[in-house]
mmCIF file of all heavy atoms, coordinates in Angstrom:
data_MODEL
# 
_entry.id   MODEL 
# 
loop_
_atom_site.group_PDB 
_atom_site.id 
_atom_site.type_symbol 
_atom_site.label_atom_id 
_atom_site.label_alt_id 
_atom_site.label_comp_id 
_atom_site.label_asym_id 
_atom_site.label_entity_id 
_atom_site.label_seq_id 
_atom_site.pdbx_PDB_ins_code 
_atom_site.Cartn_x 
_atom_site.Cartn_y 
_atom_site.Cartn_z 
_atom_site.occupancy 
_atom_site.B_iso_or_equiv 
_atom_site.pdbx_formal_charge 
_atom_site.auth_seq_id 
_atom_site.auth_comp_id 
_atom_site.auth_asym_id 
_atom_site.auth_atom_id 
_atom_site.pdbx_PDB_model_num 
ATOM 1   N N   . THR A 1 1  ? -5.325 -6.961 5.069   1.00 0.00 ? 1  THR A N   1 
ATOM 2   C CA  . THR A 1 1  ? -4.105 -7.195 4.318   1.00 0.00 ? 1  THR A CA  1 
ATOM 3   C C   . THR A 1 1  ? -4.295 -6.529 2.902   1.00 0.00 ? 1  THR A C   1 
ATOM 4   O O   . THR A 1 1  ? -5.334 -6.804 2.086   1.00 0.00 ? 1  THR A O   1 
ATOM 5   C CB  . THR A 1 1  ? -3.834 -8.647 4.125   1.00 0.00 ? 1  THR A CB  1 
ATOM 6   O OG1 . THR A 1 1  ? -3.751 -9.131 5.541   1.00 0.00 ? 1  THR A OG1 1 
ATOM 7   C CG2 . THR A 1 1  ? -2.592 -8.921 3.423   1.00 0.00 ? 1  THR A CG2 1 
ATOM 8   N N   . VAL A 1 2  ? -3.320 -5.661 2.467   1.00 0.00 ? 2  VAL A N   1 
ATOM 9   C CA  . VAL A 1 2  ? -3.445 -5.108 1.208   1.00 0.00 ? 2  VAL A CA  1 
ATOM 10  C C   . VAL A 1 2  ? -2.473 -5.530 0.206   1.00 0.00 ? 2  VAL A C   1 
ATOM 11  O O   . VAL A 1 2  ? -1.298 -5.687 0.451   1.00 0.00 ? 2  VAL A O   1 
ATOM 12  C CB  . VAL A 1 2  ? -3.192 -3.526 1.389   1.00 0.00 ? 2  VAL A CB  1 
ATOM 13  C CG1 . VAL A 1 2  ? -3.344 -2.799 0.148   1.00 0.00 ? 2  VAL A CG1 1 
ATOM 14  C CG2 . VAL A 1 2  ? -4.197 -2.920 2.442   1.00 0.00 ? 2  VAL A CG2 1 
ATOM 15  N N   . PRO A 1 3  ? -3.029 -6.043 -0.969  1.00 0.00 ? 3  PRO A N   1 
ATOM 16  C CA  . PRO A 1 3  ? -2.047 -6.535 -2.040  1.00 0.00 ? 3  PRO A CA  1 
ATOM 17  C C   . PRO A 1 3  ? -1.313 -5.287 -2.603  1.00 0.00 ? 3  PRO A C   1 
ATOM 18  O O   . PRO A 1 3  ? -1.737 -4.213 -2.620  1.00 0.00 ? 3  PRO A O   1 
ATOM 19  C CB  . PRO A 1 3  ? -3.021 -7.083 -3.102  1.00 0.00 ? 3  PRO A CB  1 
ATOM 20  C CG  . PRO A 1 3  ? -4.321 -6.222 -2.815  1.00 0.00 ? 3  PRO A CG  1 
ATOM 21  C CD  . PRO A 1 3  ? -4.416 -6.064 -1.341  1.00 0.00 ? 3  PRO A CD  1 
ATOM 22  N N   . SER A 1 4  ? -0.047 -5.545 -3.007  1.00 0.00 ? 4  SER A N   1 
ATOM 23  C CA  . SER A 1 4  ? 0.847  -4.496 -3.426  1.00 0.00 ? 4  SER A CA  1 
ATOM 24  C C   . SER A 1 4  ? 1.012  -4.540 -4.963  1.00 0.00 ? 4  SER A C   1 
ATOM 25  O O   . SER A 1 4  ? 1.671  -3.666 -5.528  1.00 0.00 ? 4  SER A O   1 
ATOM 26  C CB  . SER A 1 4  ? 2.224  -4.607 -2.823  1.00 0.00 ? 4  SER A CB  1 
ATOM 27  O OG  . SER A 1 4  ? 2.880  -5.692 -3.100  1.00 0.00 ? 4  SER A OG  1 
ATOM 28  N N   . ASP A 1 5  ? 0.387  -5.523 -5.718  1.00 0.00 ? 5  ASP A N   1 
ATOM 29  C CA  . ASP A 1 5  ? 0.506  -5.576 -7.153  1.00 0.00 ? 5  ASP A CA  1 
ATOM 30  C C   . ASP A 1 5  ? -0.428 -4.711 -7.790  1.00 0.00 ? 5  ASP A C   1 
ATOM 31  O O   . ASP A 1 5  ? -1.258 -4.051 -7.267  1.00 0.00 ? 5  ASP A O   1 
ATOM 32  C CB  . ASP A 1 5  ? 0.432  -6.997 -7.613  1.00 0.00 ? 5  ASP A CB  1 
ATOM 33  C CG  . ASP A 1 5  ? -0.889 -7.625 -7.237  1.00 0.00 ? 5  ASP A CG  1 
ATOM 34  O OD1 . ASP A 1 5  ? -1.922 -6.964 -7.263  1.00 0.00 ? 5  ASP A OD1 1 
ATOM 35  O OD2 . ASP A 1 5  ? -0.978 -8.819 -6.966  1.00 0.00 ? 5  ASP A OD2 1 
ATOM 36  N N   . ASP A 1 6  ? -0.369 -4.718 -9.124  1.00 0.00 ? 6  ASP A N   1 
ATOM 37  C CA  . ASP A 1 6  ? -1.128 -3.757 -9.941  1.00 0.00 ? 6  ASP A CA  1 
ATOM 38  C C   . ASP A 1 6  ? -2.641 -4.252 -9.942  1.00 0.00 ? 6  ASP A C   1 
ATOM 39  O O   . ASP A 1 6  ? -3.494 -3.493 -10.564 1.00 0.00 ? 6  ASP A O   1 
ATOM 40  C CB  . ASP A 1 6  ? -0.656 -3.647 -11.343 1.00 0.00 ? 6  ASP A CB  1 
ATOM 41  C CG  . ASP A 1 6  ? 0.680  -2.773 -11.277 1.00 0.00 ? 6  ASP A CG  1 
ATOM 42  O OD1 . ASP A 1 6  ? 0.892  -2.115 -10.407 1.00 0.00 ? 6  ASP A OD1 1 
ATOM 43  O OD2 . ASP A 1 6  ? 1.398  -2.949 -12.358 1.00 0.00 ? 6  ASP A OD2 1 
ATOM 44  N N   . GLY A 1 7  ? -2.967 -5.355 -9.387  1.00 0.00 ? 7  GLY A N   1 
ATOM 45  C CA  . GLY A 1 7  ? -4.376 -5.748 -9.321  1.00 0.00 ? 7  GLY A CA  1 
ATOM 46  C C   . GLY A 1 7  ? -5.183 -5.047 -8.251  1.00 0.00 ? 7  GLY A C   1 
ATOM 47  O O   . GLY A 1 7  ? -6.405 -5.091 -8.282  1.00 0.00 ? 7  GLY A O   1 
ATOM 48  N N   . ALA A 1 8  ? -4.481 -4.358 -7.321  1.00 0.00 ? 8  ALA A N   1 
ATOM 49  C CA  . ALA A 1 8  ? -5.195 -3.613 -6.344  1.00 0.00 ? 8  ALA A CA  1 
ATOM 50  C C   . ALA A 1 8  ? -5.583 -2.214 -6.904  1.00 0.00 ? 8  ALA A C   1 
ATOM 51  O O   . ALA A 1 8  ? -5.054 -1.734 -7.907  1.00 0.00 ? 8  ALA A O   1 
ATOM 52  C CB  . ALA A 1 8  ? -4.268 -3.398 -5.108  1.00 0.00 ? 8  ALA A CB  1 
ATOM 53  N N   . GLY A 1 9  ? -6.450 -1.526 -6.228  1.00 0.00 ? 9  GLY A N   1 
ATOM 54  C CA  . GLY A 1 9  ? -6.815 -0.211 -6.575  1.00 0.00 ? 9  GLY A CA  1 
ATOM 55  C C   . GLY A 1 9  ? -5.710 0.786  -6.367  1.00 0.00 ? 9  GLY A C   1 
ATOM 56  O O   . GLY A 1 9  ? -4.768 0.494  -5.593  1.00 0.00 ? 9  GLY A O   1 
ATOM 57  N N   . PRO A 1 10 ? -5.802 2.055  -6.830  1.00 0.00 ? 10 PRO A N   1 
ATOM 58  C CA  . PRO A 1 10 ? -4.687 3.001  -6.692  1.00 0.00 ? 10 PRO A CA  1 
ATOM 59  C C   . PRO A 1 10 ? -4.397 3.307  -5.246  1.00 0.00 ? 10 PRO A C   1 
ATOM 60  O O   . PRO A 1 10 ? -3.273 3.207  -4.827  1.00 0.00 ? 10 PRO A O   1 
ATOM 61  C CB  . PRO A 1 10 ? -5.256 4.205  -7.402  1.00 0.00 ? 10 PRO A CB  1 
ATOM 62  C CG  . PRO A 1 10 ? -6.152 3.735  -8.538  1.00 0.00 ? 10 PRO A CG  1 
ATOM 63  C CD  . PRO A 1 10 ? -6.812 2.473  -7.880  1.00 0.00 ? 10 PRO A CD  1 
ATOM 64  N N   . ARG A 1 11 ? -5.507 3.577  -4.367  1.00 0.00 ? 11 ARG A N   1 
ATOM 65  C CA  . ARG A 1 11 ? -5.168 3.908  -3.006  1.00 0.00 ? 11 ARG A CA  1 
ATOM 66  C C   . ARG A 1 11 ? -4.573 2.687  -2.304  1.00 0.00 ? 11 ARG A C   1 
ATOM 67  O O   . ARG A 1 11 ? -3.782 2.831  -1.410  1.00 0.00 ? 11 ARG A O   1 
ATOM 68  C CB  . ARG A 1 11 ? -6.461 4.349  -2.293  1.00 0.00 ? 11 ARG A CB  1 
ATOM 69  C CG  . ARG A 1 11 ? -6.328 4.756  -0.957  1.00 0.00 ? 11 ARG A CG  1 
ATOM 70  C CD  . ARG A 1 11 ? -7.645 5.219  -0.276  1.00 0.00 ? 11 ARG A CD  1 
ATOM 71  N NE  . ARG A 1 11 ? -8.612 4.172  -0.326  1.00 0.00 ? 11 ARG A NE  1 
ATOM 72  C CZ  . ARG A 1 11 ? -8.681 3.158  0.623   1.00 0.00 ? 11 ARG A CZ  1 
ATOM 73  N NH1 . ARG A 1 11 ? -7.742 3.041  1.557   1.00 0.00 ? 11 ARG A NH1 1 
ATOM 74  N NH2 . ARG A 1 11 ? -9.559 2.167  0.553   1.00 0.00 ? 11 ARG A NH2 1 
ATOM 75  N N   . GLU A 1 12 ? -5.040 1.466  -2.593  1.00 0.00 ? 12 GLU A N   1 
ATOM 76  C CA  . GLU A 1 12 ? -4.563 0.333  -1.963  1.00 0.00 ? 12 GLU A CA  1 
ATOM 77  C C   . GLU A 1 12 ? -3.060 0.178  -2.341  1.00 0.00 ? 12 GLU A C   1 
ATOM 78  O O   . GLU A 1 12 ? -2.293 -0.401 -1.471  1.00 0.00 ? 12 GLU A O   1 
ATOM 79  C CB  . GLU A 1 12 ? -5.377 -0.877 -2.277  1.00 0.00 ? 12 GLU A CB  1 
ATOM 80  C CG  . GLU A 1 12 ? -6.745 -1.000 -1.700  1.00 0.00 ? 12 GLU A CG  1 
ATOM 81  C CD  . GLU A 1 12 ? -7.740 -0.061 -2.360  1.00 0.00 ? 12 GLU A CD  1 
ATOM 82  O OE1 . GLU A 1 12 ? -7.512 0.419  -3.406  1.00 0.00 ? 12 GLU A OE1 1 
ATOM 83  O OE2 . GLU A 1 12 ? -8.870 0.121  -1.774  1.00 0.00 ? 12 GLU A OE2 1 
ATOM 84  N N   . GLN A 1 13 ? -2.686 0.350  -3.542  1.00 0.00 ? 13 GLN A N   1 
ATOM 85  C CA  . GLN A 1 13 ? -1.326 0.222  -3.904  1.00 0.00 ? 13 GLN A CA  1 
ATOM 86  C C   . GLN A 1 13 ? -0.371 1.212  -3.127  1.00 0.00 ? 13 GLN A C   1 
ATOM 87  O O   . GLN A 1 13 ? 0.705  0.766  -2.677  1.00 0.00 ? 13 GLN A O   1 
ATOM 88  C CB  . GLN A 1 13 ? -1.176 0.450  -5.487  1.00 0.00 ? 13 GLN A CB  1 
ATOM 89  C CG  . GLN A 1 13 ? -1.763 -0.619 -6.335  1.00 0.00 ? 13 GLN A CG  1 
ATOM 90  C CD  . GLN A 1 13 ? -1.518 -0.462 -7.753  1.00 0.00 ? 13 GLN A CD  1 
ATOM 91  O OE1 . GLN A 1 13 ? -0.378 -0.112 -8.171  1.00 0.00 ? 13 GLN A OE1 1 
ATOM 92  N NE2 . GLN A 1 13 ? -2.621 -0.416 -8.660  1.00 0.00 ? 13 GLN A NE2 1 
ATOM 93  N N   . LEU A 1 14 ? -0.909 2.311  -3.048  1.00 0.00 ? 14 LEU A N   1 
ATOM 94  C CA  . LEU A 1 14 ? 0.051  3.424  -2.192  1.00 0.00 ? 14 LEU A CA  1 
ATOM 95  C C   . LEU A 1 14 ? -0.066 3.019  -0.777  1.00 0.00 ? 14 LEU A C   1 
ATOM 96  O O   . LEU A 1 14 ? 1.042  3.123  -0.170  1.00 0.00 ? 14 LEU A O   1 
ATOM 97  C CB  . LEU A 1 14 ? -0.598 4.698  -2.468  1.00 0.00 ? 14 LEU A CB  1 
ATOM 98  C CG  . LEU A 1 14 ? -0.608 5.299  -3.942  1.00 0.00 ? 14 LEU A CG  1 
ATOM 99  C CD1 . LEU A 1 14 ? -1.044 6.729  -3.971  1.00 0.00 ? 14 LEU A CD1 1 
ATOM 100 C CD2 . LEU A 1 14 ? 0.670  5.069  -4.660  1.00 0.00 ? 14 LEU A CD2 1 
ATOM 101 N N   . LEU A 1 15 ? -1.164 2.571  -0.278  1.00 0.00 ? 15 LEU A N   1 
ATOM 102 C CA  . LEU A 1 15 ? -1.103 2.094  1.150   1.00 0.00 ? 15 LEU A CA  1 
ATOM 103 C C   . LEU A 1 15 ? -0.186 0.997  1.351   1.00 0.00 ? 15 LEU A C   1 
ATOM 104 O O   . LEU A 1 15 ? 0.561  0.970  2.383   1.00 0.00 ? 15 LEU A O   1 
ATOM 105 C CB  . LEU A 1 15 ? -2.614 1.691  1.456   1.00 0.00 ? 15 LEU A CB  1 
ATOM 106 C CG  . LEU A 1 15 ? -2.953 1.001  2.803   1.00 0.00 ? 15 LEU A CG  1 
ATOM 107 C CD1 . LEU A 1 15 ? -2.297 1.811  4.000   1.00 0.00 ? 15 LEU A CD1 1 
ATOM 108 C CD2 . LEU A 1 15 ? -4.394 0.787  2.932   1.00 0.00 ? 15 LEU A CD2 1 
ATOM 109 N N   . ALA A 1 16 ? -0.112 0.011  0.447   1.00 0.00 ? 16 ALA A N   1 
ATOM 110 C CA  . ALA A 1 16 ? 0.815  -1.093 0.628   1.00 0.00 ? 16 ALA A CA  1 
ATOM 111 C C   . ALA A 1 16 ? 2.279  -0.537 0.607   1.00 0.00 ? 16 ALA A C   1 
ATOM 112 O O   . ALA A 1 16 ? 3.117  -1.036 1.355   1.00 0.00 ? 16 ALA A O   1 
ATOM 113 C CB  . ALA A 1 16 ? 0.615  -2.112 -0.563  1.00 0.00 ? 16 ALA A CB  1 
ATOM 114 N N   . LEU A 1 17 ? 2.592  0.429  -0.200  1.00 0.00 ? 17 LEU A N   1 
ATOM 115 C CA  . LEU A 1 17 ? 3.940  0.919  -0.256  1.00 0.00 ? 17 LEU A CA  1 
ATOM 116 C C   . LEU A 1 17 ? 4.242  1.725  1.080   1.00 0.00 ? 17 LEU A C   1 
ATOM 117 O O   . LEU A 1 17 ? 5.387  1.600  1.579   1.00 0.00 ? 17 LEU A O   1 
ATOM 118 C CB  . LEU A 1 17 ? 4.035  2.025  -1.398  1.00 0.00 ? 17 LEU A CB  1 
ATOM 119 C CG  . LEU A 1 17 ? 4.033  1.316  -2.824  1.00 0.00 ? 17 LEU A CG  1 
ATOM 120 C CD1 . LEU A 1 17 ? 3.861  2.363  -3.917  1.00 0.00 ? 17 LEU A CD1 1 
ATOM 121 C CD2 . LEU A 1 17 ? 5.412  0.606  -3.004  1.00 0.00 ? 17 LEU A CD2 1 
ATOM 122 N N   . SER A 1 18 ? 3.272  2.324  1.621   1.00 0.00 ? 18 SER A N   1 
ATOM 123 C CA  . SER A 1 18 ? 3.505  3.093  2.945   1.00 0.00 ? 18 SER A CA  1 
ATOM 124 C C   . SER A 1 18 ? 3.688  1.991  3.980   1.00 0.00 ? 18 SER A C   1 
ATOM 125 O O   . SER A 1 18 ? 4.601  2.246  4.950   1.00 0.00 ? 18 SER A O   1 
ATOM 126 C CB  . SER A 1 18 ? 2.318  4.011  3.283   1.00 0.00 ? 18 SER A CB  1 
ATOM 127 O OG  . SER A 1 18 ? 2.210  5.015  2.351   1.00 0.00 ? 18 SER A OG  1 
ATOM 128 N N   . LEU A 1 19 ? 2.990  0.973  4.054   1.00 0.00 ? 19 LEU A N   1 
ATOM 129 C CA  . LEU A 1 19 ? 3.249  -0.060 5.036   1.00 0.00 ? 19 LEU A CA  1 
ATOM 130 C C   . LEU A 1 19 ? 4.541  -0.696 4.983   1.00 0.00 ? 19 LEU A C   1 
ATOM 131 O O   . LEU A 1 19 ? 5.245  -0.962 5.918   1.00 0.00 ? 19 LEU A O   1 
ATOM 132 C CB  . LEU A 1 19 ? 2.084  -1.154 4.945   1.00 0.00 ? 19 LEU A CB  1 
ATOM 133 C CG  . LEU A 1 19 ? 0.652  -0.697 5.371   1.00 0.00 ? 19 LEU A CG  1 
ATOM 134 C CD1 . LEU A 1 19 ? -0.446 -1.712 5.024   1.00 0.00 ? 19 LEU A CD1 1 
ATOM 135 C CD2 . LEU A 1 19 ? 0.610  -0.312 6.894   1.00 0.00 ? 19 LEU A CD2 1 
ATOM 136 N N   . HIS A 1 20 ? 4.891  -0.930 3.679   1.00 0.00 ? 20 HIS A N   1 
ATOM 137 C CA  . HIS A 1 20 ? 6.283  -1.573 3.440   1.00 0.00 ? 20 HIS A CA  1 
ATOM 138 C C   . HIS A 1 20 ? 7.364  -0.721 3.835   1.00 0.00 ? 20 HIS A C   1 
ATOM 139 O O   . HIS A 1 20 ? 8.433  -1.101 4.385   1.00 0.00 ? 20 HIS A O   1 
ATOM 140 C CB  . HIS A 1 20 ? 6.401  -1.858 1.849   1.00 0.00 ? 20 HIS A CB  1 
ATOM 141 C CG  . HIS A 1 20 ? 7.695  -2.404 1.515   1.00 0.00 ? 20 HIS A CG  1 
ATOM 142 N ND1 . HIS A 1 20 ? 8.091  -3.723 1.712   1.00 0.00 ? 20 HIS A ND1 1 
ATOM 143 C CD2 . HIS A 1 20 ? 8.810  -1.795 0.895   1.00 0.00 ? 20 HIS A CD2 1 
ATOM 144 C CE1 . HIS A 1 20 ? 9.322  -3.868 1.272   1.00 0.00 ? 20 HIS A CE1 1 
ATOM 145 N NE2 . HIS A 1 20 ? 9.778  -2.789 0.837   1.00 0.00 ? 20 HIS A NE2 1 
ATOM 146 N N   . ALA A 1 21 ? 7.165  0.594  3.679   1.00 0.00 ? 21 ALA A N   1 
ATOM 147 C CA  . ALA A 1 21 ? 8.303  1.565  4.053   1.00 0.00 ? 21 ALA A CA  1 
ATOM 148 C C   . ALA A 1 21 ? 8.299  1.960  5.597   1.00 0.00 ? 21 ALA A C   1 
ATOM 149 O O   . ALA A 1 21 ? 9.101  2.689  6.001   1.00 0.00 ? 21 ALA A O   1 
ATOM 150 C CB  . ALA A 1 21 ? 8.132  2.910  3.211   1.00 0.00 ? 21 ALA A CB  1 
ATOM 151 N N   . GLY A 1 22 ? 7.342  1.490  6.247   1.00 0.00 ? 22 GLY A N   1 
ATOM 152 C CA  . GLY A 1 22 ? 7.171  1.745  7.670   1.00 0.00 ? 22 GLY A CA  1 
ATOM 153 C C   . GLY A 1 22 ? 6.648  3.048  8.076   1.00 0.00 ? 22 GLY A C   1 
ATOM 154 O O   . GLY A 1 22 ? 6.796  3.522  9.184   1.00 0.00 ? 22 GLY A O   1 
ATOM 155 N N   . HIS A 1 23 ? 5.921  3.722  7.133   1.00 0.00 ? 23 HIS A N   1 
ATOM 156 C CA  . HIS A 1 23 ? 5.252  4.988  7.372   1.00 0.00 ? 23 HIS A CA  1 
ATOM 157 C C   . HIS A 1 23 ? 3.827  4.770  7.818   1.00 0.00 ? 23 HIS A C   1 
ATOM 158 O O   . HIS A 1 23 ? 2.912  4.891  6.989   1.00 0.00 ? 23 HIS A O   1 
ATOM 159 C CB  . HIS A 1 23 ? 5.359  5.871  6.135   1.00 0.00 ? 23 HIS A CB  1 
ATOM 160 C CG  . HIS A 1 23 ? 6.683  6.488  5.928   1.00 0.00 ? 23 HIS A CG  1 
ATOM 161 N ND1 . HIS A 1 23 ? 7.276  7.474  6.735   1.00 0.00 ? 23 HIS A ND1 1 
ATOM 162 C CD2 . HIS A 1 23 ? 7.705  6.208  5.005   1.00 0.00 ? 23 HIS A CD2 1 
ATOM 163 C CE1 . HIS A 1 23 ? 8.498  7.787  6.267   1.00 0.00 ? 23 HIS A CE1 1 
ATOM 164 N NE2 . HIS A 1 23 ? 8.735  7.088  5.201   1.00 0.00 ? 23 HIS A NE2 1 
ATOM 165 N N   . ALA A 1 24 ? 3.631  4.519  9.122   1.00 0.00 ? 24 ALA A N   1 
ATOM 166 C CA  . ALA A 1 24 ? 2.309  4.158  9.549   1.00 0.00 ? 24 ALA A CA  1 
ATOM 167 C C   . ALA A 1 24 ? 1.319  5.330  9.442   1.00 0.00 ? 24 ALA A C   1 
ATOM 168 O O   . ALA A 1 24 ? 0.181  5.061  9.191   1.00 0.00 ? 24 ALA A O   1 
ATOM 169 C CB  . ALA A 1 24 ? 2.481  3.683  11.078  1.00 0.00 ? 24 ALA A CB  1 
ATOM 170 N N   . ARG A 1 25 ? 1.880  6.567  9.660   1.00 0.00 ? 25 ARG A N   1 
ATOM 171 C CA  . ARG A 1 25 ? 0.940  7.631  9.632   1.00 0.00 ? 25 ARG A CA  1 
ATOM 172 C C   . ARG A 1 25 ? 0.403  7.916  8.193   1.00 0.00 ? 25 ARG A C   1 
ATOM 173 O O   . ARG A 1 25 ? -0.771 8.120  8.010   1.00 0.00 ? 25 ARG A O   1 
ATOM 174 C CB  . ARG A 1 25 ? 1.542  9.009  10.123  1.00 0.00 ? 25 ARG A CB  1 
ATOM 175 C CG  . ARG A 1 25 ? 1.669  9.113  11.596  1.00 0.00 ? 25 ARG A CG  1 
ATOM 176 C CD  . ARG A 1 25 ? 1.902  10.532 12.008  1.00 0.00 ? 25 ARG A CD  1 
ATOM 177 N NE  . ARG A 1 25 ? 3.249  10.934 11.688  1.00 0.00 ? 25 ARG A NE  1 
ATOM 178 C CZ  . ARG A 1 25 ? 3.728  12.267 11.869  1.00 0.00 ? 25 ARG A CZ  1 
ATOM 179 N NH1 . ARG A 1 25 ? 2.886  13.144 12.187  1.00 0.00 ? 25 ARG A NH1 1 
ATOM 180 N NH2 . ARG A 1 25 ? 5.001  12.427 11.589  1.00 0.00 ? 25 ARG A NH2 1 
ATOM 181 N N   . ALA A 1 26 ? 1.284  7.755  7.243   1.00 0.00 ? 26 ALA A N   1 
ATOM 182 C CA  . ALA A 1 26 ? 0.786  7.887  5.809   1.00 0.00 ? 26 ALA A CA  1 
ATOM 183 C C   . ALA A 1 26 ? -0.229 6.773  5.501   1.00 0.00 ? 26 ALA A C   1 
ATOM 184 O O   . ALA A 1 26 ? -1.154 6.994  4.784   1.00 0.00 ? 26 ALA A O   1 
ATOM 185 C CB  . ALA A 1 26 ? 1.899  7.776  4.843   1.00 0.00 ? 26 ALA A CB  1 
# 
């Protein structure tokens, strides 16, 4: 489970955005 707030690292923040947007490949 990846946090989406600014407390996460850069890659984790972008990963959370991809999951939220439904872009599983990204």
